[in-house]
Amino acid sequence: MSTESHAADHYEARLEQSHETPLRAAGRWVAAIASAALGSNEIEPIGAAVVVHSRADNSVILTLKTSNIEEAERLIESVRKDLEELTDEEFMDEWGAKAAEDPA
């Protein structure tokens, strides 16, 4: 029996509203209106993010911003699966690099 702990023992993933600068939020609203006018719902006026928190002190470990809630829901499933299967180090190797690529 393995005694190796999984990242889910130490971290928890949540869907949260992304916190954006006023300029970025205004840009998202303009893009959402233009997208809706063209018959698409790809961009939503309020951004969503998958945020991984420490279970010990609730601090934010990483934030992965998305363009819409559907993308966030798909992403959180992958993040939670990896939290259950990977060690802390493996999880951060996998997802920490993705968070670093986020232009926000």
PDB file of N, CA and C in Angstrom:
ATOM      1  N   MET A   1       0.837  -1.183   0.000  1.00  0.00           N
ATOM      2  CA  MET A   1       0.000   0.000   0.000  1.00  0.00           C
ATOM      3  C   MET A   1       0.884   1.250   0.000  1.00  0.00           C
ATOM      4  N   SER A   2       0.608   2.164  -0.861  1.00  0.00           N
ATOM      5  CA  SER A   2       1.400   3.375  -0.998  1.00  0.00           C
ATOM      6  C   SER A   2       0.998   4.407   0.056  1.00  0.00           C
ATOM      7  N   THR A   3       1.995   5.083   0.618  1.00  0.00           N
ATOM      8  CA  THR A   3       1.724   6.138   1.591  1.00  0.00           C
ATOM      9  C   THR A   3       1.870   7.520   0.959  1.00  0.00           C
ATOM     10  N   GLU A   4       2.074   7.552  -0.339  1.00  0.00           N
ATOM     11  CA  GLU A   4       2.236   8.821  -1.054  1.00  0.00           C
ATOM     12  C   GLU A   4       0.923   9.600  -1.036  1.00  0.00           C
ATOM     13  N   SER A   5       1.005  10.867  -0.648  1.00  0.00           N
ATOM     14  CA  SER A   5      -0.216  11.672  -0.615  1.00  0.00           C
ATOM     15  C   SER A   5      -0.474  12.302  -1.970  1.00  0.00           C
ATOM     16  N   HIS A   6      -1.713  12.633  -2.172  1.00  0.00           N
ATOM     17  CA  HIS A   6      -2.123  13.274  -3.410  1.00  0.00           C
ATOM     18  C   HIS A   6      -2.335  14.759  -3.157  1.00  0.00           C
ATOM     19  N   ALA A   7      -2.273  15.528  -4.223  1.00  0.00           N
ATOM     20  CA  ALA A   7      -2.437  16.972  -4.114  1.00  0.00           C
ATOM     21  C   ALA A   7      -3.785  17.341  -3.499  1.00  0.00           C
ATOM     22  N   ALA A   8      -4.812  16.506  -3.722  1.00  0.00           N
ATOM     23  CA  ALA A   8      -6.145  16.779  -3.165  1.00  0.00           C
ATOM     24  C   ALA A   8      -6.141  16.775  -1.635  1.00  0.00           C
ATOM     25  N   ASP A   9      -5.141  16.148  -1.037  1.00  0.00           N
ATOM     26  CA  ASP A   9      -5.028  16.169   0.423  1.00  0.00           C
ATOM     27  C   ASP A   9      -4.655  17.566   0.922  1.00  0.00           C
ATOM     28  N   HIS A  10      -4.033  18.368   0.058  1.00  0.00           N
ATOM     29  CA  HIS A  10      -3.520  19.675   0.469  1.00  0.00           C
ATOM     30  C   HIS A  10      -4.161  20.857  -0.255  1.00  0.00           C
ATOM     31  N   TYR A  11      -4.770  20.588  -1.411  1.00  0.00           N
ATOM     32  CA  TYR A  11      -5.322  21.657  -2.235  1.00  0.00           C
ATOM     33  C   TYR A  11      -6.769  21.376  -2.617  1.00  0.00           C
ATOM     34  N   GLU A  12      -7.509  22.454  -2.886  1.00  0.00           N
ATOM     35  CA  GLU A  12      -8.903  22.353  -3.304  1.00  0.00           C
ATOM     36  C   GLU A  12      -9.131  23.328  -4.466  1.00  0.00           C
ATOM     37  N   ALA A  13      -9.809  22.857  -5.525  1.00  0.00           N
ATOM     38  CA  ALA A  13     -10.110  23.709  -6.680  1.00  0.00           C
ATOM     39  C   ALA A  13     -11.535  24.220  -6.587  1.00  0.00           C
ATOM     40  N   ARG A  14     -11.711  25.513  -6.897  1.00  0.00           N
ATOM     41  CA  ARG A  14     -13.034  26.148  -6.869  1.00  0.00           C
ATOM     42  C   ARG A  14     -13.221  27.001  -8.118  1.00  0.00           C
ATOM     43  N   LEU A  15     -14.485  27.122  -8.542  1.00  0.00           N
ATOM     44  CA  LEU A  15     -14.836  28.074  -9.594  1.00  0.00           C
ATOM     45  C   LEU A  15     -15.113  29.408  -8.916  1.00  0.00           C
ATOM     46  N   GLU A  16     -14.499  30.470  -9.423  1.00  0.00           N
ATOM     47  CA  GLU A  16     -14.698  31.795  -8.849  1.00  0.00           C
ATOM     48  C   GLU A  16     -14.796  32.820  -9.965  1.00  0.00           C
ATOM     49  N   GLN A  17     -15.398  33.943  -9.650  1.00  0.00           N
ATOM     50  CA  GLN A  17     -15.436  35.054 -10.591  1.00  0.00           C
ATOM     51  C   GLN A  17     -14.025  35.615 -10.682  1.00  0.00           C
ATOM     52  N   SER A  18     -13.545  35.855 -11.902  1.00  0.00           N
ATOM     53  CA  SER A  18     -12.203  36.407 -12.022  1.00  0.00           C
ATOM     54  C   SER A  18     -12.214  37.880 -11.667  1.00  0.00           C
ATOM     55  N   HIS A  19     -11.155  38.300 -11.028  1.00  0.00           N
ATOM     56  CA  HIS A  19     -11.010  39.692 -10.611  1.00  0.00           C
ATOM     57  C   HIS A  19     -10.139  40.385 -11.647  1.00  0.00           C
ATOM     58  N   GLU A  20     -10.754  41.326 -12.346  1.00  0.00           N
ATOM     59  CA  GLU A  20     -10.072  41.986 -13.449  1.00  0.00           C
ATOM     60  C   GLU A  20      -9.958  43.484 -13.185  1.00  0.00           C
ATOM     61  N   THR A  21      -9.010  44.099 -13.849  1.00  0.00           N
ATOM     62  CA  THR A  21      -8.891  45.552 -13.764  1.00  0.00           C
ATOM     63  C   THR A  21     -10.125  46.163 -14.429  1.00  0.00           C
ATOM     64  N   PRO A  22     -10.474  47.385 -14.096  1.00  0.00           N
ATOM     65  CA  PRO A  22     -11.633  48.022 -14.740  1.00  0.00           C
ATOM     66  C   PRO A  22     -11.519  48.069 -16.264  1.00  0.00           C
ATOM     67  N   LEU A  23     -10.326  48.324 -16.771  1.00  0.00           N
ATOM     68  CA  LEU A  23     -10.138  48.382 -18.214  1.00  0.00           C
ATOM     69  C   LEU A  23     -10.389  47.014 -18.856  1.00  0.00           C
ATOM     70  N   ARG A  24      -9.862  45.983 -18.238  1.00  0.00           N
ATOM     71  CA  ARG A  24     -10.065  44.637 -18.771  1.00  0.00           C
ATOM     72  C   ARG A  24     -11.535  44.230 -18.672  1.00  0.00           C
ATOM     73  N   ALA A  25     -12.191  44.573 -17.577  1.00  0.00           N
ATOM     74  CA  ALA A  25     -13.619  44.253 -17.417  1.00  0.00           C
ATOM     75  C   ALA A  25     -14.445  44.967 -18.482  1.00  0.00           C
ATOM     76  N   ALA A  26     -14.119  46.235 -18.757  1.00  0.00           N
ATOM     77  CA  ALA A  26     -14.831  46.979 -19.796  1.00  0.00           C
ATOM     78  C   ALA A  26     -14.618  46.329 -21.155  1.00  0.00           C
ATOM     79  N   GLY A  27     -13.397  45.911 -21.420  1.00  0.00           N
ATOM     80  CA  GLY A  27     -13.101  45.225 -22.676  1.00  0.00           C
ATOM     81  C   GLY A  27     -13.882  43.933 -22.812  1.00  0.00           C
ATOM     82  N   ARG A  28     -14.017  43.202 -21.704  1.00  0.00           N
ATOM     83  CA  ARG A  28     -14.793  41.947 -21.723  1.00  0.00           C
ATOM     84  C   ARG A  28     -16.257  42.238 -22.043  1.00  0.00           C
ATOM     85  N   TRP A  29     -16.816  43.324 -21.464  1.00  0.00           N
ATOM     86  CA  TRP A  29     -18.206  43.685 -21.745  1.00  0.00           C
ATOM     87  C   TRP A  29     -18.388  44.034 -23.225  1.00  0.00           C
ATOM     88  N   VAL A  30     -17.470  44.811 -23.774  1.00  0.00           N
ATOM     89  CA  VAL A  30     -17.551  45.180 -25.193  1.00  0.00           C
ATOM     90  C   VAL A  30     -17.464  43.929 -26.064  1.00  0.00           C
ATOM     91  N   ALA A  31     -16.525  43.044 -25.742  1.00  0.00           N
ATOM     92  CA  ALA A  31     -16.372  41.810 -26.515  1.00  0.00           C
ATOM     93  C   ALA A  31     -17.605  40.924 -26.399  1.00  0.00           C
ATOM     94  N   ALA A  32     -18.197  40.854 -25.213  1.00  0.00           N
ATOM     95  CA  ALA A  32     -19.399  40.031 -25.010  1.00  0.00           C
ATOM     96  C   ALA A  32     -20.575  40.579 -25.816  1.00  0.00           C
ATOM     97  N   ILE A  33     -20.722  41.902 -25.829  1.00  0.00           N
ATOM     98  CA  ILE A  33     -21.816  42.508 -26.599  1.00  0.00           C
ATOM     99  C   ILE A  33     -21.613  42.271 -28.088  1.00  0.00           C
ATOM    100  N   ALA A  34     -20.380  42.453 -28.552  1.00  0.00           N
ATOM    101  CA  ALA A  34     -20.091  42.217 -29.974  1.00  0.00           C
ATOM    102  C   ALA A  34     -20.306  40.751 -30.331  1.00  0.00           C
ATOM    103  N   SER A  35     -19.885  39.865 -29.457  1.00  0.00           N
ATOM    104  CA  SER A  35     -20.058  38.431 -29.681  1.00  0.00           C
ATOM    105  C   SER A  35     -21.537  38.072 -29.757  1.00  0.00           C
ATOM    106  N   ALA A  36     -22.334  38.622 -28.832  1.00  0.00           N
ATOM    107  CA  ALA A  36     -23.778  38.353 -28.830  1.00  0.00           C
ATOM    108  C   ALA A  36     -24.439  38.921 -30.083  1.00  0.00           C
ATOM    109  N   ALA A  37     -23.982  40.085 -30.515  1.00  0.00           N
ATOM    110  CA  ALA A  37     -24.556  40.706 -31.725  1.00  0.00           C
ATOM    111  C   ALA A  37     -24.299  39.855 -32.960  1.00  0.00           C
ATOM    112  N   LEU A  38     -23.212  39.118 -32.929  1.00  0.00           N
ATOM    113  CA  LEU A  38     -22.867  38.232 -34.048  1.00  0.00           C
ATOM    114  C   LEU A  38     -23.456  36.831 -33.874  1.00  0.00           C
ATOM    115  N   GLY A  39     -24.251  36.637 -32.819  1.00  0.00           N
ATOM    116  CA  GLY A  39     -24.921  35.355 -32.610  1.00  0.00           C
ATOM    117  C   GLY A  39     -24.084  34.311 -31.890  1.00  0.00           C
ATOM    118  N   SER A  40     -23.059  34.736 -31.198  1.00  0.00           N
ATOM    119  CA  SER A  40     -22.190  33.801 -30.479  1.00  0.00           C
ATOM    120  C   SER A  40     -22.287  34.074 -28.986  1.00  0.00           C
ATOM    121  N   ASN A  41     -22.019  33.070 -28.204  1.00  0.00           N
ATOM    122  CA  ASN A  41     -21.962  33.266 -26.754  1.00  0.00           C
ATOM    123  C   ASN A  41     -20.613  32.798 -26.212  1.00  0.00           C
ATOM    124  N   GLU A  42     -19.593  32.920 -27.018  1.00  0.00           N
ATOM    125  CA  GLU A  42     -18.257  32.479 -26.631  1.00  0.00           C
ATOM    126  C   GLU A  42     -17.655  33.315 -25.510  1.00  0.00           C
ATOM    127  N   ILE A  43     -17.967  34.586 -25.469  1.00  0.00           N
ATOM    128  CA  ILE A  43     -17.385  35.473 -24.469  1.00  0.00           C
ATOM    129  C   ILE A  43     -18.498  35.965 -23.553  1.00  0.00           C
ATOM    130  N   GLU A  44     -18.277  35.832 -22.260  1.00  0.00           N
ATOM    131  CA  GLU A  44     -19.263  36.269 -21.282  1.00  0.00           C
ATOM    132  C   GLU A  44     -18.794  37.559 -20.620  1.00  0.00           C
ATOM    133  N   PRO A  45     -19.732  38.400 -20.188  1.00  0.00           N
ATOM    134  CA  PRO A  45     -19.339  39.686 -19.619  1.00  0.00           C
ATOM    135  C   PRO A  45     -18.594  39.583 -18.288  1.00  0.00           C
ATOM    136  N   ILE A  46     -18.790  38.513 -17.576  1.00  0.00           N
ATOM    137  CA  ILE A  46     -18.085  38.317 -16.307  1.00  0.00           C
ATOM    138  C   ILE A  46     -17.223  37.078 -16.448  1.00  0.00           C
ATOM    139  N   GLY A  47     -15.938  37.236 -16.225  1.00  0.00           N
ATOM    140  CA  GLY A  47     -15.003  36.130 -16.388  1.00  0.00           C
ATOM    141  C   GLY A  47     -15.065  35.139 -15.243  1.00  0.00           C
ATOM    142  N   ALA A  48     -14.678  33.919 -15.537  1.00  0.00           N
ATOM    143  CA  ALA A  48     -14.621  32.861 -14.528  1.00  0.00           C
ATOM    144  C   ALA A  48     -13.191  32.360 -14.439  1.00  0.00           C
ATOM    145  N   ALA A  49     -12.850  31.841 -13.278  1.00  0.00           N
ATOM    146  CA  ALA A  49     -11.507  31.310 -13.077  1.00  0.00           C
ATOM    147  C   ALA A  49     -11.595  30.057 -12.223  1.00  0.00           C
ATOM    148  N   VAL A  50     -10.665  29.150 -12.470  1.00  0.00           N
ATOM    149  CA  VAL A  50     -10.468  28.002 -11.595  1.00  0.00           C
ATOM    150  C   VAL A  50      -9.355  28.415 -10.644  1.00  0.00           C
ATOM    151  N   VAL A  51      -9.666  28.428  -9.352  1.00  0.00           N
ATOM    152  CA  VAL A  51      -8.690  28.865  -8.359  1.00  0.00           C
ATOM    153  C   VAL A  51      -8.407  27.696  -7.422  1.00  0.00           C
ATOM    154  N   VAL A  52      -7.123  27.391  -7.260  1.00  0.00           N
ATOM    155  CA  VAL A  52      -6.707  26.311  -6.365  1.00  0.00           C
ATOM    156  C   VAL A  52      -6.231  26.949  -5.061  1.00  0.00           C
ATOM    157  N   HIS A  53      -6.859  26.514  -3.957  1.00  0.00           N
ATOM    158  CA  HIS A  53      -6.557  27.036  -2.627  1.00  0.00           C
ATOM    159  C   HIS A  53      -5.874  25.965  -1.786  1.00  0.00           C
ATOM    160  N   SER A  54      -5.054  26.417  -0.856  1.00  0.00           N
ATOM    161  CA  SER A  54      -4.467  25.526   0.136  1.00  0.00           C
ATOM    162  C   SER A  54      -5.542  25.158   1.148  1.00  0.00           C
ATOM    163  N   ARG A  55      -5.637  23.884   1.483  1.00  0.00           N
ATOM    164  CA  ARG A  55      -6.590  23.474   2.517  1.00  0.00           C
ATOM    165  C   ARG A  55      -6.130  23.938   3.902  1.00  0.00           C
ATOM    166  N   ALA A  56      -4.823  24.145   4.077  1.00  0.00           N
ATOM    167  CA  ALA A  56      -4.283  24.525   5.382  1.00  0.00           C
ATOM    168  C   ALA A  56      -4.672  25.943   5.783  1.00  0.00           C
ATOM    169  N   ASP A  57      -4.532  26.893   4.858  1.00  0.00           N
ATOM    170  CA  ASP A  57      -4.761  28.284   5.228  1.00  0.00           C
ATOM    171  C   ASP A  57      -5.614  29.064   4.224  1.00  0.00           C
ATOM    172  N   ASN A  58      -6.189  28.366   3.253  1.00  0.00           N
ATOM    173  CA  ASN A  58      -7.066  28.945   2.240  1.00  0.00           C
ATOM    174  C   ASN A  58      -6.350  29.917   1.293  1.00  0.00           C
ATOM    175  N   SER A  59      -5.023  29.940   1.326  1.00  0.00           N
ATOM    176  CA  SER A  59      -4.294  30.830   0.422  1.00  0.00           C
ATOM    177  C   SER A  59      -4.437  30.335  -1.020  1.00  0.00           C
ATOM    178  N   VAL A  60      -4.320  31.266  -1.961  1.00  0.00           N
ATOM    179  CA  VAL A  60      -4.429  30.925  -3.377  1.00  0.00           C
ATOM    180  C   VAL A  60      -3.098  30.358  -3.849  1.00  0.00           C
ATOM    181  N   ILE A  61      -3.155  29.161  -4.411  1.00  0.00           N
ATOM    182  CA  ILE A  61      -1.958  28.496  -4.923  1.00  0.00           C
ATOM    183  C   ILE A  61      -1.765  28.833  -6.392  1.00  0.00           C
ATOM    184  N   LEU A  62      -2.856  28.804  -7.153  1.00  0.00           N
ATOM    185  CA  LEU A  62      -2.790  29.207  -8.554  1.00  0.00           C
ATOM    186  C   LEU A  62      -4.166  29.568  -9.063  1.00  0.00           C
ATOM    187  N   THR A  63      -4.181  30.401 -10.101  1.00  0.00           N
ATOM    188  CA  THR A  63      -5.422  30.865 -10.720  1.00  0.00           C
ATOM    189  C   THR A  63      -5.328  30.636 -12.218  1.00  0.00           C
ATOM    190  N   LEU A  64      -6.348  29.987 -12.776  1.00  0.00           N
ATOM    191  CA  LEU A  64      -6.423  29.730 -14.214  1.00  0.00           C
ATOM    192  C   LEU A  64      -7.671  30.430 -14.740  1.00  0.00           C
ATOM    193  N   LYS A  65      -7.484  31.532 -15.453  1.00  0.00           N
ATOM    194  CA  LYS A  65      -8.616  32.308 -15.970  1.00  0.00           C
ATOM    195  C   LYS A  65      -9.141  31.669 -17.251  1.00  0.00           C
ATOM    196  N   THR A  66     -10.455  31.825 -17.461  1.00  0.00           N
ATOM    197  CA  THR A  66     -11.100  31.273 -18.652  1.00  0.00           C
ATOM    198  C   THR A  66     -11.961  32.351 -19.301  1.00  0.00           C
ATOM    199  N   SER A  67     -12.406  32.092 -20.525  1.00  0.00           N
ATOM    200  CA  SER A  67     -13.200  33.088 -21.241  1.00  0.00           C
ATOM    201  C   SER A  67     -14.697  32.946 -20.992  1.00  0.00           C
ATOM    202  N   ASN A  68     -15.136  31.771 -20.512  1.00  0.00           N
ATOM    203  CA  ASN A  68     -16.564  31.593 -20.237  1.00  0.00           C
ATOM    204  C   ASN A  68     -16.762  30.470 -19.223  1.00  0.00           C
ATOM    205  N   ILE A  69     -17.967  30.372 -18.704  1.00  0.00           N
ATOM    206  CA  ILE A  69     -18.256  29.403 -17.646  1.00  0.00           C
ATOM    207  C   ILE A  69     -18.137  27.963 -18.133  1.00  0.00           C
ATOM    208  N   GLU A  70     -18.495  27.702 -19.389  1.00  0.00           N
ATOM    209  CA  GLU A  70     -18.381  26.335 -19.908  1.00  0.00           C
ATOM    210  C   GLU A  70     -16.923  25.884 -19.918  1.00  0.00           C
ATOM    211  N   GLU A  71     -16.038  26.773 -20.343  1.00  0.00           N
ATOM    212  CA  GLU A  71     -14.606  26.456 -20.340  1.00  0.00           C
ATOM    213  C   GLU A  71     -14.120  26.227 -18.908  1.00  0.00           C
ATOM    214  N   ALA A  72     -14.592  27.055 -17.985  1.00  0.00           N
ATOM    215  CA  ALA A  72     -14.199  26.913 -16.582  1.00  0.00           C
ATOM    216  C   ALA A  72     -14.672  25.577 -16.008  1.00  0.00           C
ATOM    217  N   GLU A  73     -15.881  25.156 -16.365  1.00  0.00           N
ATOM    218  CA  GLU A  73     -16.405  23.880 -15.872  1.00  0.00           C
ATOM    219  C   GLU A  73     -15.604  22.707 -16.409  1.00  0.00           C
ATOM    220  N   ARG A  74     -15.213  22.782 -17.684  1.00  0.00           N
ATOM    221  CA  ARG A  74     -14.371  21.706 -18.244  1.00  0.00           C
ATOM    222  C   ARG A  74     -13.000  21.698 -17.569  1.00  0.00           C
ATOM    223  N   LEU A  75     -12.441  22.878 -17.369  1.00  0.00           N
ATOM    224  CA  LEU A  75     -11.113  22.986 -16.778  1.00  0.00           C
ATOM    225  C   LEU A  75     -11.095  22.489 -15.341  1.00  0.00           C
ATOM    226  N   ILE A  76     -12.123  22.822 -14.558  1.00  0.00           N
ATOM    227  CA  ILE A  76     -12.110  22.405 -13.155  1.00  0.00           C
ATOM    228  C   ILE A  76     -12.211  20.882 -13.028  1.00  0.00           C
ATOM    229  N   GLU A  77     -12.890  20.240 -13.967  1.00  0.00           N
ATOM    230  CA  GLU A  77     -12.937  18.773 -13.954  1.00  0.00           C
ATOM    231  C   GLU A  77     -11.539  18.192 -14.120  1.00  0.00           C
ATOM    232  N   SER A  78     -10.767  18.737 -15.045  1.00  0.00           N
ATOM    233  CA  SER A  78      -9.393  18.263 -15.267  1.00  0.00           C
ATOM    234  C   SER A  78      -8.510  18.541 -14.055  1.00  0.00           C
ATOM    235  N   VAL A  79      -8.657  19.736 -13.493  1.00  0.00           N
ATOM    236  CA  VAL A  79      -7.854  20.105 -12.333  1.00  0.00           C
ATOM    237  C   VAL A  79      -8.171  19.188 -11.161  1.00  0.00           C
ATOM    238  N   ARG A  80      -9.449  18.966 -10.894  1.00  0.00           N
ATOM    239  CA  ARG A  80      -9.833  18.102  -9.769  1.00  0.00           C
ATOM    240  C   ARG A  80      -9.374  16.659  -9.971  1.00  0.00           C
ATOM    241  N   LYS A  81      -9.437  16.179 -11.202  1.00  0.00           N
ATOM    242  CA  LYS A  81      -8.955  14.823 -11.509  1.00  0.00           C
ATOM    243  C   LYS A  81      -7.464  14.726 -11.193  1.00  0.00           C
ATOM    244  N   ASP A  82      -6.702  15.733 -11.628  1.00  0.00           N
ATOM    245  CA  ASP A  82      -5.263  15.714 -11.362  1.00  0.00           C
ATOM    246  C   ASP A  82      -4.953  15.892  -9.882  1.00  0.00           C
ATOM    247  N   LEU A  83      -5.741  16.672  -9.170  1.00  0.00           N
ATOM    248  CA  LEU A  83      -5.549  16.789  -7.721  1.00  0.00           C
ATOM    249  C   LEU A  83      -5.688  15.427  -7.045  1.00  0.00           C
ATOM    250  N   GLU A  84      -6.639  14.622  -7.523  1.00  0.00           N
ATOM    251  CA  GLU A  84      -6.864  13.289  -6.947  1.00  0.00           C
ATOM    252  C   GLU A  84      -5.767  12.289  -7.312  1.00  0.00           C
ATOM    253  N   GLU A  85      -5.143  12.467  -8.478  1.00  0.00           N
ATOM    254  CA  GLU A  85      -4.215  11.467  -8.992  1.00  0.00           C
ATOM    255  C   GLU A  85      -2.734  11.804  -8.826  1.00  0.00           C
ATOM    256  N   LEU A  86      -2.399  13.095  -8.746  1.00  0.00           N
ATOM    257  CA  LEU A  86      -0.997  13.504  -8.734  1.00  0.00           C
ATOM    258  C   LEU A  86      -0.540  13.919  -7.339  1.00  0.00           C
ATOM    259  N   THR A  87       0.770  13.851  -7.123  1.00  0.00           N
ATOM    260  CA  THR A  87       1.341  14.391  -5.892  1.00  0.00           C
ATOM    261  C   THR A  87       1.359  15.915  -5.996  1.00  0.00           C
ATOM    262  N   ASP A  88       1.659  16.576  -4.880  1.00  0.00           N
ATOM    263  CA  ASP A  88       1.749  18.045  -4.894  1.00  0.00           C
ATOM    264  C   ASP A  88       2.731  18.521  -5.965  1.00  0.00           C
ATOM    265  N   GLU A  89       3.908  17.919  -5.987  1.00  0.00           N
ATOM    266  CA  GLU A  89       4.950  18.329  -6.929  1.00  0.00           C
ATOM    267  C   GLU A  89       4.526  18.078  -8.378  1.00  0.00           C
ATOM    268  N   GLU A  90       3.954  16.906  -8.642  1.00  0.00           N
ATOM    269  CA  GLU A  90       3.500  16.599 -10.003  1.00  0.00           C
ATOM    270  C   GLU A  90       2.397  17.564 -10.444  1.00  0.00           C
ATOM    271  N   PHE A  91       1.484  17.875  -9.525  1.00  0.00           N
ATOM    272  CA  PHE A  91       0.396  18.791  -9.851  1.00  0.00           C
ATOM    273  C   PHE A  91       0.948  20.161 -10.218  1.00  0.00           C
ATOM    274  N   MET A  92       1.865  20.691  -9.408  1.00  0.00           N
ATOM    275  CA  MET A  92       2.418  22.016  -9.689  1.00  0.00           C
ATOM    276  C   MET A  92       3.278  22.005 -10.950  1.00  0.00           C
ATOM    277  N   ASP A  93       3.967  20.909 -11.218  1.00  0.00           N
ATOM    278  CA  ASP A  93       4.723  20.810 -12.474  1.00  0.00           C
ATOM    279  C   ASP A  93       3.777  20.914 -13.663  1.00  0.00           C
ATOM    280  N   GLU A  94       2.634  20.247 -13.568  1.00  0.00           N
ATOM    281  CA  GLU A  94       1.659  20.229 -14.658  1.00  0.00           C
ATOM    282  C   GLU A  94       0.902  21.549 -14.775  1.00  0.00           C
ATOM    283  N   TRP A  95       0.305  22.004 -13.688  1.00  0.00           N
ATOM    284  CA  TRP A  95      -0.601  23.153 -13.734  1.00  0.00           C
ATOM    285  C   TRP A  95       0.083  24.479 -13.452  1.00  0.00           C
ATOM    286  N   GLY A  96       1.149  24.478 -12.706  1.00  0.00           N
ATOM    287  CA  GLY A  96       1.866  25.722 -12.434  1.00  0.00           C
ATOM    288  C   GLY A  96       2.413  26.345 -13.691  1.00  0.00           C
ATOM    289  N   ALA A  97       2.875  25.509 -14.615  1.00  0.00           N
ATOM    290  CA  ALA A  97       3.375  26.006 -15.908  1.00  0.00           C
ATOM    291  C   ALA A  97       2.234  26.606 -16.714  1.00  0.00           C
ATOM    292  N   LYS A  98       1.055  25.997 -16.661  1.00  0.00           N
ATOM    293  CA  LYS A  98      -0.107  26.525 -17.388  1.00  0.00           C
ATOM    294  C   LYS A  98      -0.534  27.872 -16.813  1.00  0.00           C
ATOM    295  N   ALA A  99      -0.485  28.007 -15.492  1.00  0.00           N
ATOM    296  CA  ALA A  99      -0.852  29.272 -14.855  1.00  0.00           C
ATOM    297  C   ALA A  99       0.150  30.365 -15.231  1.00  0.00           C
ATOM    298  N   ALA A 100       1.421  30.006 -15.347  1.00  0.00           N
ATOM    299  CA  ALA A 100       2.451  30.980 -15.708  1.00  0.00           C
ATOM    300  C   ALA A 100       2.265  31.498 -17.132  1.00  0.00           C
ATOM    301  N   GLU A 101       1.647  30.687 -17.996  1.00  0.00           N
ATOM    302  CA  GLU A 101       1.397  31.090 -19.387  1.00  0.00           C
ATOM    303  C   GLU A 101       0.218  32.035 -19.496  1.00  0.00           C
ATOM    304  N   ASP A 102      -0.620  32.111 -18.464  1.00  0.00           N
ATOM    305  CA  ASP A 102      -1.809  32.966 -18.479  1.00  0.00           C
ATOM    306  C   ASP A 102      -1.385  34.421 -18.584  1.00  0.00           C
ATOM    307  N   PRO A 103      -1.821  35.148 -19.606  1.00  0.00           N
ATOM    308  CA  PRO A 103      -1.392  36.528 -19.794  1.00  0.00           C
ATOM    309  C   PRO A 103      -1.969  37.509 -18.781  1.00  0.00           C
ATOM    310  N   ALA A 104      -2.896  37.088 -17.956  1.00  0.00           N
ATOM    311  CA  ALA A 104      -3.503  37.979 -16.968  1.00  0.00           C
ATOM    312  C   ALA A 104      -2.512  38.257 -15.898  1.00  0.00           C
TER     313      ALA A 104
END
